[in-house]
Amino acid sequence: MKELEIKFIGKDSHGRPVYETEDGLLLKNIELNGVPTQGNLTTVLYNNFDGEPDFPLKYKTKRYVFTVVKEFLRSE
């Protein structure tokens, strides 16, 4: 399994938690109060903060463990 850091950036207009990867990809947690896991995170249509949940990550062949961080550590 690969570890992927995500940063909480707020809740959309439907109260769904929105996270961002270091690469700028937005992810939504479709379980409003759930811990972000591969089973409940989706990509976001058009990568728009208020966009609809799009592709469920549970169907990705690569498996991830998500760690929520306050800031991304930039390696220079």
PDB file of N, CA and C in Angstrom:
ATOM      1  N   MET A   1       0.831  -1.180   0.000  1.00  0.00           N
ATOM      2  CA  MET A   1       0.000   0.000   0.000  1.00  0.00           C
ATOM      3  C   MET A   1       0.878   1.245   0.000  1.00  0.00           C
ATOM      4  N   LYS A   2       0.413   2.244  -0.685  1.00  0.00           N
ATOM      5  CA  LYS A   2       1.134   3.511  -0.773  1.00  0.00           C
ATOM      6  C   LYS A   2       0.483   4.527   0.155  1.00  0.00           C
ATOM      7  N   GLU A   3       1.300   5.278   0.879  1.00  0.00           N
ATOM      8  CA  GLU A   3       0.765   6.325   1.745  1.00  0.00           C
ATOM      9  C   GLU A   3       0.576   7.592   0.928  1.00  0.00           C
ATOM     10  N   LEU A   4      -0.569   8.226   1.091  1.00  0.00           N
ATOM     11  CA  LEU A   4      -0.868   9.463   0.373  1.00  0.00           C
ATOM     12  C   LEU A   4      -1.313  10.507   1.384  1.00  0.00           C
ATOM     13  N   GLU A   5      -0.607  11.637   1.407  1.00  0.00           N
ATOM     14  CA  GLU A   5      -0.977  12.726   2.311  1.00  0.00           C
ATOM     15  C   GLU A   5      -2.047  13.582   1.655  1.00  0.00           C
ATOM     16  N   ILE A   6      -3.070  13.920   2.436  1.00  0.00           N
ATOM     17  CA  ILE A   6      -4.135  14.799   1.968  1.00  0.00           C
ATOM     18  C   ILE A   6      -4.352  15.889   3.018  1.00  0.00           C
ATOM     19  N   LYS A   7      -4.786  17.057   2.538  1.00  0.00           N
ATOM     20  CA  LYS A   7      -5.013  18.199   3.434  1.00  0.00           C
ATOM     21  C   LYS A   7      -6.492  18.564   3.383  1.00  0.00           C
ATOM     22  N   PHE A   8      -7.120  18.676   4.553  1.00  0.00           N
ATOM     23  CA  PHE A   8      -8.513  19.106   4.638  1.00  0.00           C
ATOM     24  C   PHE A   8      -8.581  20.579   4.266  1.00  0.00           C
ATOM     25  N   ILE A   9      -9.469  20.917   3.299  1.00  0.00           N
ATOM     26  CA  ILE A   9      -9.556  22.327   2.881  1.00  0.00           C
ATOM     27  C   ILE A   9     -10.948  22.913   3.101  1.00  0.00           C
ATOM     28  N   GLY A  10     -11.872  22.127   3.654  1.00  0.00           N
ATOM     29  CA  GLY A  10     -13.186  22.669   3.971  1.00  0.00           C
ATOM     30  C   GLY A  10     -14.298  21.707   3.612  1.00  0.00           C
ATOM     31  N   LYS A  11     -15.524  22.187   3.749  1.00  0.00           N
ATOM     32  CA  LYS A  11     -16.709  21.400   3.400  1.00  0.00           C
ATOM     33  C   LYS A  11     -17.429  22.085   2.250  1.00  0.00           C
ATOM     34  N   ASP A  12     -17.923  21.284   1.318  1.00  0.00           N
ATOM     35  CA  ASP A  12     -18.642  21.851   0.177  1.00  0.00           C
ATOM     36  C   ASP A  12     -20.043  22.286   0.584  1.00  0.00           C
ATOM     37  N   SER A  13     -20.824  22.754  -0.353  1.00  0.00           N
ATOM     38  CA  SER A  13     -22.157  23.280  -0.052  1.00  0.00           C
ATOM     39  C   SER A  13     -23.131  22.213   0.430  1.00  0.00           C
ATOM     40  N   HIS A  14     -22.748  20.935   0.321  1.00  0.00           N
ATOM     41  CA  HIS A  14     -23.587  19.835   0.830  1.00  0.00           C
ATOM     42  C   HIS A  14     -23.024  19.251   2.120  1.00  0.00           C
ATOM     43  N   GLY A  15     -22.014  19.897   2.678  1.00  0.00           N
ATOM     44  CA  GLY A  15     -21.437  19.458   3.942  1.00  0.00           C
ATOM     45  C   GLY A  15     -20.443  18.314   3.818  1.00  0.00           C
ATOM     46  N   ARG A  16     -20.005  17.997   2.587  1.00  0.00           N
ATOM     47  CA  ARG A  16     -19.046  16.912   2.395  1.00  0.00           C
ATOM     48  C   ARG A  16     -17.630  17.441   2.590  1.00  0.00           C
ATOM     49  N   PRO A  17     -16.815  16.746   3.392  1.00  0.00           N
ATOM     50  CA  PRO A  17     -15.423  17.156   3.573  1.00  0.00           C
ATOM     51  C   PRO A  17     -14.656  17.079   2.249  1.00  0.00           C
ATOM     52  N   VAL A  18     -13.855  18.110   1.985  1.00  0.00           N
ATOM     53  CA  VAL A  18     -13.060  18.170   0.761  1.00  0.00           C
ATOM     54  C   VAL A  18     -11.585  18.185   1.156  1.00  0.00           C
ATOM     55  N   TYR A  19     -10.804  17.357   0.489  1.00  0.00           N
ATOM     56  CA  TYR A  19      -9.370  17.245   0.738  1.00  0.00           C
ATOM     57  C   TYR A  19      -8.625  17.527  -0.556  1.00  0.00           C
ATOM     58  N   GLU A  20      -7.361  17.909  -0.404  1.00  0.00           N
ATOM     59  CA  GLU A  20      -6.516  18.161  -1.560  1.00  0.00           C
ATOM     60  C   GLU A  20      -5.226  17.373  -1.414  1.00  0.00           C
ATOM     61  N   THR A  21      -4.757  16.786  -2.518  1.00  0.00           N
ATOM     62  CA  THR A  21      -3.461  16.120  -2.513  1.00  0.00           C
ATOM     63  C   THR A  21      -2.382  17.155  -2.785  1.00  0.00           C
ATOM     64  N   GLU A  22      -1.148  16.774  -2.592  1.00  0.00           N
ATOM     65  CA  GLU A  22      -0.041  17.695  -2.850  1.00  0.00           C
ATOM     66  C   GLU A  22       0.006  18.108  -4.315  1.00  0.00           C
ATOM     67  N   ASP A  23      -0.519  17.265  -5.201  1.00  0.00           N
ATOM     68  CA  ASP A  23      -0.554  17.570  -6.638  1.00  0.00           C
ATOM     69  C   ASP A  23      -1.744  18.437  -7.042  1.00  0.00           C
ATOM     70  N   GLY A  24      -2.603  18.813  -6.080  1.00  0.00           N
ATOM     71  CA  GLY A  24      -3.743  19.675  -6.383  1.00  0.00           C
ATOM     72  C   GLY A  24      -5.024  18.942  -6.740  1.00  0.00           C
ATOM     73  N   LEU A  25      -5.032  17.611  -6.640  1.00  0.00           N
ATOM     74  CA  LEU A  25      -6.244  16.835  -6.914  1.00  0.00           C
ATOM     75  C   LEU A  25      -7.195  16.943  -5.728  1.00  0.00           C
ATOM     76  N   LEU A  26      -8.456  17.287  -5.993  1.00  0.00           N
ATOM     77  CA  LEU A  26      -9.452  17.363  -4.930  1.00  0.00           C
ATOM     78  C   LEU A  26     -10.135  16.019  -4.759  1.00  0.00           C
ATOM     79  N   LEU A  27     -10.381  15.670  -3.497  1.00  0.00           N
ATOM     80  CA  LEU A  27     -11.072  14.432  -3.143  1.00  0.00           C
ATOM     81  C   LEU A  27     -12.190  14.773  -2.175  1.00  0.00           C
ATOM     82  N   LYS A  28     -13.314  14.066  -2.295  1.00  0.00           N
ATOM     83  CA  LYS A  28     -14.437  14.275  -1.373  1.00  0.00           C
ATOM     84  C   LYS A  28     -14.716  13.000  -0.616  1.00  0.00           C
ATOM     85  N   ASN A  29     -15.067  13.185   0.659  1.00  0.00           N
ATOM     86  CA  ASN A  29     -15.465  12.071   1.499  1.00  0.00           C
ATOM     87  C   ASN A  29     -16.990  11.988   1.442  1.00  0.00           C
ATOM     88  N   ILE A  30     -17.506  10.905   0.891  1.00  0.00           N
ATOM     89  CA  ILE A  30     -18.957  10.787   0.745  1.00  0.00           C
ATOM     90  C   ILE A  30     -19.638  10.355   2.035  1.00  0.00           C
ATOM     91  N   GLU A  31     -18.846   9.983   3.055  1.00  0.00           N
ATOM     92  CA  GLU A  31     -19.389   9.750   4.393  1.00  0.00           C
ATOM     93  C   GLU A  31     -19.132  11.030   5.173  1.00  0.00           C
ATOM     94  N   LEU A  32     -20.175  11.759   5.477  1.00  0.00           N
ATOM     95  CA  LEU A  32     -20.022  13.108   6.026  1.00  0.00           C
ATOM     96  C   LEU A  32     -19.150  13.179   7.267  1.00  0.00           C
ATOM     97  N   ASN A  33     -19.217  12.187   8.144  1.00  0.00           N
ATOM     98  CA  ASN A  33     -18.414  12.222   9.371  1.00  0.00           C
ATOM     99  C   ASN A  33     -17.400  11.095   9.415  1.00  0.00           C
ATOM    100  N   GLY A  34     -17.130  10.486   8.287  1.00  0.00           N
ATOM    101  CA  GLY A  34     -16.222   9.347   8.265  1.00  0.00           C
ATOM    102  C   GLY A  34     -14.759   9.748   8.134  1.00  0.00           C
ATOM    103  N   VAL A  35     -13.902   8.857   8.572  1.00  0.00           N
ATOM    104  CA  VAL A  35     -12.467   9.016   8.391  1.00  0.00           C
ATOM    105  C   VAL A  35     -12.169   8.750   6.918  1.00  0.00           C
ATOM    106  N   PRO A  36     -11.338   9.565   6.263  1.00  0.00           N
ATOM    107  CA  PRO A  36     -11.075   9.354   4.840  1.00  0.00           C
ATOM    108  C   PRO A  36     -10.347   8.028   4.585  1.00  0.00           C
ATOM    109  N   THR A  37     -10.979   7.166   3.802  1.00  0.00           N
ATOM    110  CA  THR A  37     -10.390   5.890   3.406  1.00  0.00           C
ATOM    111  C   THR A  37     -10.605   5.715   1.911  1.00  0.00           C
ATOM    112  N   GLN A  38      -9.952   4.731   1.350  1.00  0.00           N
ATOM    113  CA  GLN A  38     -10.122   4.473  -0.078  1.00  0.00           C
ATOM    114  C   GLN A  38     -11.579   4.100  -0.385  1.00  0.00           C
ATOM    115  N   GLY A  39     -12.294   3.567   0.577  1.00  0.00           N
ATOM    116  CA  GLY A  39     -13.679   3.159   0.369  1.00  0.00           C
ATOM    117  C   GLY A  39     -14.680   4.297   0.330  1.00  0.00           C
ATOM    118  N   ASN A  40     -14.337   5.461   0.896  1.00  0.00           N
ATOM    119  CA  ASN A  40     -15.325   6.545   0.929  1.00  0.00           C
ATOM    120  C   ASN A  40     -14.847   7.842   0.280  1.00  0.00           C
ATOM    121  N   LEU A  41     -13.680   7.839  -0.358  1.00  0.00           N
ATOM    122  CA  LEU A  41     -13.205   9.029  -1.065  1.00  0.00           C
ATOM    123  C   LEU A  41     -13.473   8.901  -2.560  1.00  0.00           C
ATOM    124  N   THR A  42     -13.802  10.033  -3.171  1.00  0.00           N
ATOM    125  CA  THR A  42     -14.004  10.081  -4.621  1.00  0.00           C
ATOM    126  C   THR A  42     -13.217  11.254  -5.188  1.00  0.00           C
ATOM    127  N   THR A  43     -12.945  11.194  -6.478  1.00  0.00           N
ATOM    128  CA  THR A  43     -12.431  12.377  -7.146  1.00  0.00           C
ATOM    129  C   THR A  43     -13.611  13.340  -7.285  1.00  0.00           C
ATOM    130  N   VAL A  44     -13.339  14.551  -7.755  1.00  0.00           N
ATOM    131  CA  VAL A  44     -14.377  15.577  -7.857  1.00  0.00           C
ATOM    132  C   VAL A  44     -14.524  15.991  -9.319  1.00  0.00           C
ATOM    133  N   LEU A  45     -15.761  16.038  -9.784  1.00  0.00           N
ATOM    134  CA  LEU A  45     -16.034  16.408 -11.170  1.00  0.00           C
ATOM    135  C   LEU A  45     -15.405  17.762 -11.484  1.00  0.00           C
ATOM    136  N   TYR A  46     -14.608  17.809 -12.540  1.00  0.00           N
ATOM    137  CA  TYR A  46     -13.897  19.014 -12.989  1.00  0.00           C
ATOM    138  C   TYR A  46     -12.925  19.569 -11.948  1.00  0.00           C
ATOM    139  N   ASN A  47     -12.597  18.769 -10.935  1.00  0.00           N
ATOM    140  CA  ASN A  47     -11.691  19.187  -9.860  1.00  0.00           C
ATOM    141  C   ASN A  47     -12.117  20.535  -9.276  1.00  0.00           C
ATOM    142  N   ASN A  48     -13.449  20.704  -9.143  1.00  0.00           N
ATOM    143  CA  ASN A  48     -14.062  21.933  -8.650  1.00  0.00           C
ATOM    144  C   ASN A  48     -14.508  21.705  -7.210  1.00  0.00           C
ATOM    145  N   PHE A  49     -14.178  22.624  -6.306  1.00  0.00           N
ATOM    146  CA  PHE A  49     -14.491  22.469  -4.883  1.00  0.00           C
ATOM    147  C   PHE A  49     -15.944  22.063  -4.653  1.00  0.00           C
ATOM    148  N   ASP A  50     -16.889  22.700  -5.338  1.00  0.00           N
ATOM    149  CA  ASP A  50     -18.302  22.366  -5.159  1.00  0.00           C
ATOM    150  C   ASP A  50     -18.813  21.372  -6.211  1.00  0.00           C
ATOM    151  N   GLY A  51     -17.895  20.777  -6.969  1.00  0.00           N
ATOM    152  CA  GLY A  51     -18.290  19.789  -7.974  1.00  0.00           C
ATOM    153  C   GLY A  51     -18.843  18.522  -7.330  1.00  0.00           C
ATOM    154  N   GLU A  52     -19.565  17.754  -8.126  1.00  0.00           N
ATOM    155  CA  GLU A  52     -20.142  16.497  -7.650  1.00  0.00           C
ATOM    156  C   GLU A  52     -19.052  15.449  -7.450  1.00  0.00           C
ATOM    157  N   PRO A  53     -19.245  14.537  -6.475  1.00  0.00           N
ATOM    158  CA  PRO A  53     -18.330  13.401  -6.362  1.00  0.00           C
ATOM    159  C   PRO A  53     -18.329  12.651  -7.693  1.00  0.00           C
ATOM    160  N   ASP A  54     -17.160  12.209  -8.125  1.00  0.00           N
ATOM    161  CA  ASP A  54     -17.036  11.603  -9.443  1.00  0.00           C
ATOM    162  C   ASP A  54     -16.634  10.133  -9.331  1.00  0.00           C
ATOM    163  N   PHE A  55     -15.364   9.818  -9.454  1.00  0.00           N
ATOM    164  CA  PHE A  55     -14.904   8.439  -9.508  1.00  0.00           C
ATOM    165  C   PHE A  55     -14.525   7.931  -8.114  1.00  0.00           C
ATOM    166  N   PRO A  56     -15.155   6.864  -7.635  1.00  0.00           N
ATOM    167  CA  PRO A  56     -14.798   6.307  -6.319  1.00  0.00           C
ATOM    168  C   PRO A  56     -13.387   5.717  -6.344  1.00  0.00           C
ATOM    169  N   LEU A  57     -12.581   6.072  -5.364  1.00  0.00           N
ATOM    170  CA  LEU A  57     -11.216   5.559  -5.313  1.00  0.00           C
ATOM    171  C   LEU A  57     -11.177   4.070  -4.983  1.00  0.00           C
ATOM    172  N   LYS A  58     -12.278   3.529  -4.466  1.00  0.00           N
ATOM    173  CA  LYS A  58     -12.271   2.104  -4.128  1.00  0.00           C
ATOM    174  C   LYS A  58     -12.117   1.236  -5.376  1.00  0.00           C
ATOM    175  N   TYR A  59     -12.357   1.783  -6.557  1.00  0.00           N
ATOM    176  CA  TYR A  59     -12.207   1.018  -7.793  1.00  0.00           C
ATOM    177  C   TYR A  59     -10.816   1.137  -8.406  1.00  0.00           C
ATOM    178  N   LYS A  60      -9.942   1.934  -7.804  1.00  0.00           N
ATOM    179  CA  LYS A  60      -8.561   2.038  -8.278  1.00  0.00           C
ATOM    180  C   LYS A  60      -7.827   0.741  -7.939  1.00  0.00           C
ATOM    181  N   THR A  61      -6.963   0.303  -8.836  1.00  0.00           N
ATOM    182  CA  THR A  61      -6.211  -0.921  -8.568  1.00  0.00           C
ATOM    183  C   THR A  61      -5.090  -0.680  -7.567  1.00  0.00           C
ATOM    184  N   LYS A  62      -4.521   0.526  -7.558  1.00  0.00           N
ATOM    185  CA  LYS A  62      -3.485   0.866  -6.587  1.00  0.00           C
ATOM    186  C   LYS A  62      -4.170   1.138  -5.251  1.00  0.00           C
ATOM    187  N   ARG A  63      -3.624   0.614  -4.175  1.00  0.00           N
ATOM    188  CA  ARG A  63      -4.210   0.780  -2.844  1.00  0.00           C
ATOM    189  C   ARG A  63      -3.452   1.844  -2.062  1.00  0.00           C
ATOM    190  N   TYR A  64      -4.197   2.688  -1.360  1.00  0.00           N
ATOM    191  CA  TYR A  64      -3.626   3.804  -0.619  1.00  0.00           C
ATOM    192  C   TYR A  64      -4.043   3.765   0.849  1.00  0.00           C
ATOM    193  N   VAL A  65      -3.185   4.327   1.675  1.00  0.00           N
ATOM    194  CA  VAL A  65      -3.498   4.651   3.064  1.00  0.00           C
ATOM    195  C   VAL A  65      -3.399   6.165   3.125  1.00  0.00           C
ATOM    196  N   PHE A  66      -4.427   6.823   3.626  1.00  0.00           N
ATOM    197  CA  PHE A  66      -4.474   8.284   3.635  1.00  0.00           C
ATOM    198  C   PHE A  66      -4.085   8.835   5.000  1.00  0.00           C
ATOM    199  N   THR A  67      -3.254   9.860   4.974  1.00  0.00           N
ATOM    200  CA  THR A  67      -2.857  10.571   6.175  1.00  0.00           C
ATOM    201  C   THR A  67      -3.254  12.026   5.985  1.00  0.00           C
ATOM    202  N   VAL A  68      -4.051  12.552   6.906  1.00  0.00           N
ATOM    203  CA  VAL A  68      -4.467  13.943   6.840  1.00  0.00           C
ATOM    204  C   VAL A  68      -3.382  14.800   7.503  1.00  0.00           C
ATOM    205  N   VAL A  69      -2.911  15.793   6.774  1.00  0.00           N
ATOM    206  CA  VAL A  69      -1.851  16.676   7.273  1.00  0.00           C
ATOM    207  C   VAL A  69      -2.351  18.122   7.281  1.00  0.00           C
ATOM    208  N   LYS A  70      -1.719  18.947   8.087  1.00  0.00           N
ATOM    209  CA  LYS A  70      -2.066  20.375   8.105  1.00  0.00           C
ATOM    210  C   LYS A  70      -1.398  21.099   6.944  1.00  0.00           C
ATOM    211  N   GLU A  71      -0.176  20.714   6.634  1.00  0.00           N
ATOM    212  CA  GLU A  71       0.584  21.297   5.526  1.00  0.00           C
ATOM    213  C   GLU A  71       1.421  20.196   4.894  1.00  0.00           C
ATOM    214  N   PHE A  72       1.707  20.351   3.611  1.00  0.00           N
ATOM    215  CA  PHE A  72       2.566  19.392   2.935  1.00  0.00           C
ATOM    216  C   PHE A  72       4.023  19.776   3.148  1.00  0.00           C
ATOM    217  N   LEU A  73       4.848  18.783   3.384  1.00  0.00           N
ATOM    218  CA  LEU A  73       6.285  19.023   3.510  1.00  0.00           C
ATOM    219  C   LEU A  73       6.880  19.048   2.130  1.00  0.00           C
ATOM    220  N   ARG A  74       7.455  20.143   1.758  1.00  0.00           N
ATOM    221  CA  ARG A  74       8.066  20.294   0.428  1.00  0.00           C
ATOM    222  C   ARG A  74       9.517  19.826   0.527  1.00  0.00           C
ATOM    223  N   SER A  75       9.892  18.853  -0.303  1.00  0.00           N
ATOM    224  CA  SER A  75      11.293  18.429  -0.329  1.00  0.00           C
ATOM    225  C   SER A  75      12.024  19.259  -1.367  1.00  0.00           C
ATOM    226  N   GLU A  76      13.083  19.891  -0.981  1.00  0.00           N
ATOM    227  CA  GLU A  76      13.817  20.798  -1.875  1.00  0.00           C
ATOM    228  C   GLU A  76      15.163  20.214  -2.188  1.00  0.00           C
TER     229      GLU A  76
END
